[in-house]
N, C-alpha and C. Protein backbone atom coordinates (compact mmCIF):
# COMPACT_ATOMS: atom_id res chain seq x y z
N UNK A 1 0.84 -1.18 0.00
CA UNK A 1 0.00 0.00 0.00
C UNK A 1 0.89 1.25 0.00
N UNK A 2 0.49 2.24 -0.75
CA UNK A 2 1.28 3.47 -0.89
C UNK A 2 1.24 4.29 0.39
N UNK A 3 2.31 5.00 0.65
CA UNK A 3 2.39 5.87 1.80
C UNK A 3 1.64 7.17 1.50
N UNK A 4 0.84 7.61 2.43
CA UNK A 4 0.10 8.86 2.23
C UNK A 4 1.07 10.03 2.33
N UNK A 5 0.98 10.91 1.35
CA UNK A 5 1.85 12.08 1.31
C UNK A 5 1.21 13.20 2.12
N UNK A 6 1.99 13.79 3.01
CA UNK A 6 1.47 14.90 3.82
C UNK A 6 2.10 16.20 3.33
N UNK A 7 1.25 17.11 2.93
CA UNK A 7 1.73 18.43 2.51
C UNK A 7 0.88 19.49 3.20
N UNK A 8 1.48 20.64 3.41
CA UNK A 8 0.77 21.72 4.07
C UNK A 8 -0.28 22.36 3.18
N UNK A 9 -1.09 23.21 3.80
CA UNK A 9 -2.16 23.88 3.06
C UNK A 9 -1.64 24.72 1.91
N UNK A 10 -0.52 25.40 2.12
CA UNK A 10 0.04 26.24 1.06
C UNK A 10 0.44 25.42 -0.15
N UNK A 11 1.08 24.29 0.09
CA UNK A 11 1.50 23.42 -1.00
C UNK A 11 0.29 22.82 -1.71
N UNK A 12 -0.73 22.44 -0.95
CA UNK A 12 -1.95 21.90 -1.56
C UNK A 12 -2.61 22.95 -2.46
N UNK A 13 -2.63 24.17 -1.98
CA UNK A 13 -3.23 25.27 -2.75
C UNK A 13 -2.45 25.48 -4.05
N UNK A 14 -1.12 25.46 -3.98
CA UNK A 14 -0.29 25.65 -5.17
C UNK A 14 -0.46 24.50 -6.16
N UNK A 15 -0.50 23.26 -5.66
CA UNK A 15 -0.70 22.12 -6.55
C UNK A 15 -2.08 22.16 -7.21
N UNK A 16 -3.07 22.58 -6.46
CA UNK A 16 -4.41 22.72 -7.01
C UNK A 16 -4.43 23.76 -8.12
N UNK A 17 -3.76 24.87 -7.89
CA UNK A 17 -3.66 25.93 -8.89
C UNK A 17 -2.91 25.43 -10.12
N UNK A 18 -1.80 24.72 -9.91
CA UNK A 18 -1.04 24.17 -11.03
C UNK A 18 -1.90 23.21 -11.84
N UNK A 19 -2.61 22.34 -11.16
CA UNK A 19 -3.49 21.38 -11.85
C UNK A 19 -4.56 22.08 -12.67
N UNK A 20 -5.16 23.11 -12.10
CA UNK A 20 -6.19 23.87 -12.83
C UNK A 20 -5.61 24.54 -14.06
N UNK A 21 -4.42 25.08 -13.92
CA UNK A 21 -3.77 25.75 -15.06
C UNK A 21 -3.37 24.75 -16.14
N UNK A 22 -2.92 23.58 -15.73
CA UNK A 22 -2.59 22.55 -16.71
C UNK A 22 -3.83 22.10 -17.48
N UNK A 23 -4.93 21.93 -16.77
CA UNK A 23 -6.17 21.54 -17.44
C UNK A 23 -6.61 22.63 -18.41
N UNK A 24 -6.56 23.87 -17.98
CA UNK A 24 -6.93 24.99 -18.85
C UNK A 24 -6.04 25.04 -20.09
N UNK A 25 -4.74 24.83 -19.89
CA UNK A 25 -3.80 24.83 -21.02
C UNK A 25 -4.14 23.71 -22.00
N UNK A 26 -4.49 22.56 -21.46
CA UNK A 26 -4.87 21.43 -22.32
C UNK A 26 -6.14 21.75 -23.11
N UNK A 27 -7.13 22.30 -22.44
CA UNK A 27 -8.39 22.63 -23.10
C UNK A 27 -8.21 23.73 -24.14
N UNK A 28 -7.40 24.74 -23.82
CA UNK A 28 -7.14 25.81 -24.79
C UNK A 28 -6.50 25.26 -26.05
N UNK A 29 -5.69 24.23 -25.92
CA UNK A 29 -5.02 23.62 -27.06
C UNK A 29 -5.92 22.60 -27.75
N UNK A 30 -7.12 22.43 -27.19
CA UNK A 30 -8.11 21.48 -27.71
C UNK A 30 -7.52 20.05 -27.81
N UNK A 31 -6.77 19.69 -26.78
CA UNK A 31 -6.17 18.37 -26.72
C UNK A 31 -6.98 17.48 -25.78
N UNK A 32 -7.39 16.31 -26.23
CA UNK A 32 -8.09 15.40 -25.33
C UNK A 32 -7.15 14.87 -24.26
N UNK A 33 -7.71 14.58 -23.11
CA UNK A 33 -6.92 14.08 -21.98
C UNK A 33 -6.17 12.82 -22.35
N UNK A 34 -6.80 11.95 -23.14
CA UNK A 34 -6.15 10.70 -23.52
C UNK A 34 -4.87 10.95 -24.32
N UNK A 35 -4.89 11.95 -25.19
CA UNK A 35 -3.71 12.26 -26.00
C UNK A 35 -2.58 12.83 -25.14
N UNK A 36 -2.92 13.75 -24.23
CA UNK A 36 -1.90 14.33 -23.35
C UNK A 36 -1.31 13.25 -22.45
N UNK A 37 -2.16 12.39 -21.92
CA UNK A 37 -1.68 11.29 -21.08
C UNK A 37 -0.74 10.38 -21.86
N UNK A 38 -1.10 10.07 -23.10
CA UNK A 38 -0.25 9.23 -23.94
C UNK A 38 1.09 9.91 -24.20
N UNK A 39 1.07 11.19 -24.54
CA UNK A 39 2.32 11.92 -24.80
C UNK A 39 3.19 12.02 -23.56
N UNK A 40 2.57 12.07 -22.39
CA UNK A 40 3.31 12.16 -21.13
C UNK A 40 3.68 10.78 -20.59
N UNK A 41 3.24 9.74 -21.25
CA UNK A 41 3.50 8.36 -20.84
C UNK A 41 2.96 8.06 -19.44
N UNK A 42 1.75 8.57 -19.18
CA UNK A 42 1.05 8.31 -17.92
C UNK A 42 -0.36 7.83 -18.25
N UNK A 43 -1.07 7.34 -17.26
CA UNK A 43 -2.44 6.91 -17.49
C UNK A 43 -3.38 8.12 -17.50
N UNK A 44 -4.54 7.94 -18.09
CA UNK A 44 -5.54 9.01 -18.10
C UNK A 44 -5.96 9.32 -16.66
N UNK A 45 -6.00 8.32 -15.80
CA UNK A 45 -6.36 8.53 -14.38
C UNK A 45 -5.31 9.39 -13.69
N UNK A 46 -4.03 9.17 -13.99
CA UNK A 46 -2.98 10.00 -13.39
C UNK A 46 -3.11 11.43 -13.87
N UNK A 47 -3.44 11.64 -15.13
CA UNK A 47 -3.65 12.99 -15.62
C UNK A 47 -4.80 13.65 -14.89
N UNK A 48 -5.87 12.91 -14.64
CA UNK A 48 -7.00 13.45 -13.86
C UNK A 48 -6.53 13.91 -12.48
N UNK A 49 -5.71 13.08 -11.85
CA UNK A 49 -5.19 13.42 -10.52
C UNK A 49 -4.31 14.67 -10.58
N UNK A 50 -3.49 14.78 -11.62
CA UNK A 50 -2.63 15.95 -11.79
C UNK A 50 -3.49 17.20 -11.95
N UNK A 51 -4.49 17.11 -12.81
CA UNK A 51 -5.36 18.27 -13.04
C UNK A 51 -6.17 18.64 -11.80
N UNK A 52 -6.29 17.70 -10.86
CA UNK A 52 -6.95 17.97 -9.59
C UNK A 52 -5.95 18.44 -8.53
N UNK A 53 -4.66 18.42 -8.86
CA UNK A 53 -3.63 18.87 -7.92
C UNK A 53 -3.28 17.86 -6.85
N UNK A 54 -3.41 16.61 -7.14
CA UNK A 54 -3.14 15.54 -6.17
C UNK A 54 -1.65 15.53 -5.78
N UNK A 55 -1.34 15.73 -4.50
CA UNK A 55 0.05 15.75 -4.06
C UNK A 55 0.73 14.39 -4.05
N UNK A 56 -0.03 13.31 -4.19
CA UNK A 56 0.55 11.98 -4.19
C UNK A 56 1.14 11.59 -5.54
N UNK A 57 0.84 12.36 -6.58
CA UNK A 57 1.39 12.07 -7.90
C UNK A 57 2.85 12.50 -7.94
N UNK A 58 3.70 11.68 -8.53
CA UNK A 58 5.13 11.97 -8.61
C UNK A 58 5.38 13.27 -9.37
N UNK A 59 6.37 14.01 -8.92
CA UNK A 59 6.71 15.27 -9.57
C UNK A 59 7.12 15.06 -11.03
N UNK A 60 7.71 13.91 -11.31
CA UNK A 60 8.08 13.59 -12.68
C UNK A 60 6.88 13.50 -13.60
N UNK A 61 5.76 13.06 -13.08
CA UNK A 61 4.54 12.99 -13.89
C UNK A 61 4.01 14.40 -14.18
N UNK A 62 4.10 15.28 -13.20
CA UNK A 62 3.71 16.68 -13.44
C UNK A 62 4.61 17.27 -14.53
N UNK A 63 5.91 17.01 -14.44
CA UNK A 63 6.87 17.51 -15.43
C UNK A 63 6.57 16.94 -16.81
N UNK A 64 6.20 15.67 -16.89
CA UNK A 64 5.89 15.04 -18.17
C UNK A 64 4.68 15.70 -18.83
N UNK A 65 3.69 16.07 -18.03
CA UNK A 65 2.51 16.75 -18.57
C UNK A 65 2.89 18.15 -19.05
N UNK A 66 3.70 18.85 -18.27
CA UNK A 66 4.19 20.16 -18.71
C UNK A 66 4.92 20.03 -20.05
N UNK A 67 5.75 19.02 -20.18
CA UNK A 67 6.48 18.77 -21.43
C UNK A 67 5.51 18.48 -22.56
N UNK A 68 4.52 17.65 -22.31
CA UNK A 68 3.55 17.28 -23.35
C UNK A 68 2.75 18.48 -23.84
N UNK A 69 2.58 19.48 -22.96
CA UNK A 69 1.83 20.68 -23.32
C UNK A 69 2.74 21.79 -23.84
N UNK A 70 4.05 21.54 -23.84
CA UNK A 70 5.00 22.56 -24.29
C UNK A 70 5.23 23.67 -23.29
N UNK A 71 5.05 23.35 -22.01
CA UNK A 71 5.15 24.36 -20.95
C UNK A 71 6.32 24.13 -19.99
N UNK A 72 7.21 23.23 -20.31
CA UNK A 72 8.27 22.86 -19.37
C UNK A 72 9.32 23.95 -19.18
N UNK A 73 9.56 24.76 -20.22
CA UNK A 73 10.59 25.81 -20.16
C UNK A 73 10.34 26.76 -18.98
N UNK A 74 11.34 26.90 -18.13
CA UNK A 74 11.25 27.83 -17.00
C UNK A 74 10.50 27.30 -15.79
N UNK A 75 9.98 26.08 -15.88
CA UNK A 75 9.18 25.55 -14.78
C UNK A 75 10.00 25.36 -13.50
N UNK A 76 11.27 25.06 -13.64
CA UNK A 76 12.11 24.82 -12.47
C UNK A 76 12.63 26.07 -11.80
N UNK A 77 12.27 27.24 -12.31
CA UNK A 77 12.73 28.49 -11.70
C UNK A 77 12.10 28.66 -10.33
N UNK A 78 12.92 29.04 -9.38
CA UNK A 78 12.43 29.27 -8.02
C UNK A 78 12.68 30.72 -7.66
N UNK A 79 11.67 31.39 -7.23
CA UNK A 79 11.80 32.77 -6.77
C UNK A 79 12.21 32.72 -5.30
N UNK A 80 13.45 33.12 -5.01
CA UNK A 80 13.99 33.02 -3.65
C UNK A 80 14.64 34.35 -3.25
N UNK A 81 13.82 35.41 -3.07
CA UNK A 81 14.42 36.71 -2.73
C UNK A 81 15.18 36.69 -1.41
N UNK A 82 14.74 35.91 -0.45
CA UNK A 82 15.44 35.82 0.84
C UNK A 82 16.81 35.20 0.65
N UNK A 83 16.85 34.10 -0.10
CA UNK A 83 18.11 33.44 -0.35
C UNK A 83 19.07 34.28 -1.17
N UNK A 84 18.53 35.09 -2.06
CA UNK A 84 19.38 35.94 -2.89
C UNK A 84 20.04 37.05 -2.09
N UNK A 85 19.47 37.39 -0.96
CA UNK A 85 20.06 38.42 -0.10
C UNK A 85 21.27 37.90 0.66
N UNK A 86 21.38 36.60 0.77
CA UNK A 86 22.49 35.98 1.49
C UNK A 86 23.66 35.83 0.52
N UNK A 87 24.80 36.26 0.94
CA UNK A 87 25.99 36.15 0.10
C UNK A 87 26.32 34.69 -0.19
N UNK A 88 26.72 34.43 -1.40
CA UNK A 88 27.11 33.07 -1.78
C UNK A 88 28.27 32.59 -0.92
N UNK A 89 29.13 33.50 -0.46
CA UNK A 89 30.25 33.12 0.39
C UNK A 89 29.79 32.66 1.77
N UNK A 90 28.63 33.11 2.21
CA UNK A 90 28.10 32.74 3.51
C UNK A 90 27.24 31.47 3.45
N UNK A 91 27.05 30.92 2.26
CA UNK A 91 26.21 29.75 2.12
C UNK A 91 26.97 28.51 2.59
N UNK A 92 26.40 27.76 3.54
CA UNK A 92 27.09 26.56 4.01
C UNK A 92 27.10 25.47 2.94
N UNK A 93 28.07 24.60 3.00
CA UNK A 93 28.14 23.48 2.07
C UNK A 93 27.04 22.47 2.34
N UNK A 94 26.65 22.35 3.59
CA UNK A 94 25.51 21.50 3.95
C UNK A 94 24.88 22.03 5.22
N UNK A 95 23.62 21.73 5.40
CA UNK A 95 22.91 22.19 6.58
C UNK A 95 22.91 21.08 7.64
N UNK A 96 23.01 21.46 8.89
CA UNK A 96 23.00 20.51 10.00
C UNK A 96 21.90 20.89 10.97
N UNK A 97 21.33 19.88 11.60
CA UNK A 97 20.36 20.13 12.64
C UNK A 97 21.07 20.72 13.84
N UNK A 98 20.44 21.68 14.46
CA UNK A 98 21.05 22.30 15.63
C UNK A 98 20.63 21.57 16.90
N UNK A 99 21.54 21.50 17.83
CA UNK A 99 21.32 20.86 19.12
C UNK A 99 20.39 21.75 19.95
N UNK A 100 19.50 21.13 20.69
CA UNK A 100 18.59 21.90 21.54
C UNK A 100 19.26 22.52 22.74
N UNK A 101 20.48 22.18 23.06
CA UNK A 101 21.11 22.63 24.28
C UNK A 101 22.32 23.39 24.15
């Protein structure tokens, strides 16, 4: 049995928005769900879950749908204004958990 994925409300909201936008993009292109699913090498049911913003679907499947719709370019960009304020010289090579004491 698959492990239930736990995501916060903000992430659920973003995935739902992404799914809605992917569905809209598919409909605007007048592409049937079966064709997009085939091009993305996923099942039609998985595409339904993606368009619903299901957090249990693998990120690779979301990327495959973006690719099938011609929307993959720039998808991996992350807006990180807080991180950009930190000097690259001050960035640690790895993060460690801090001791409580």
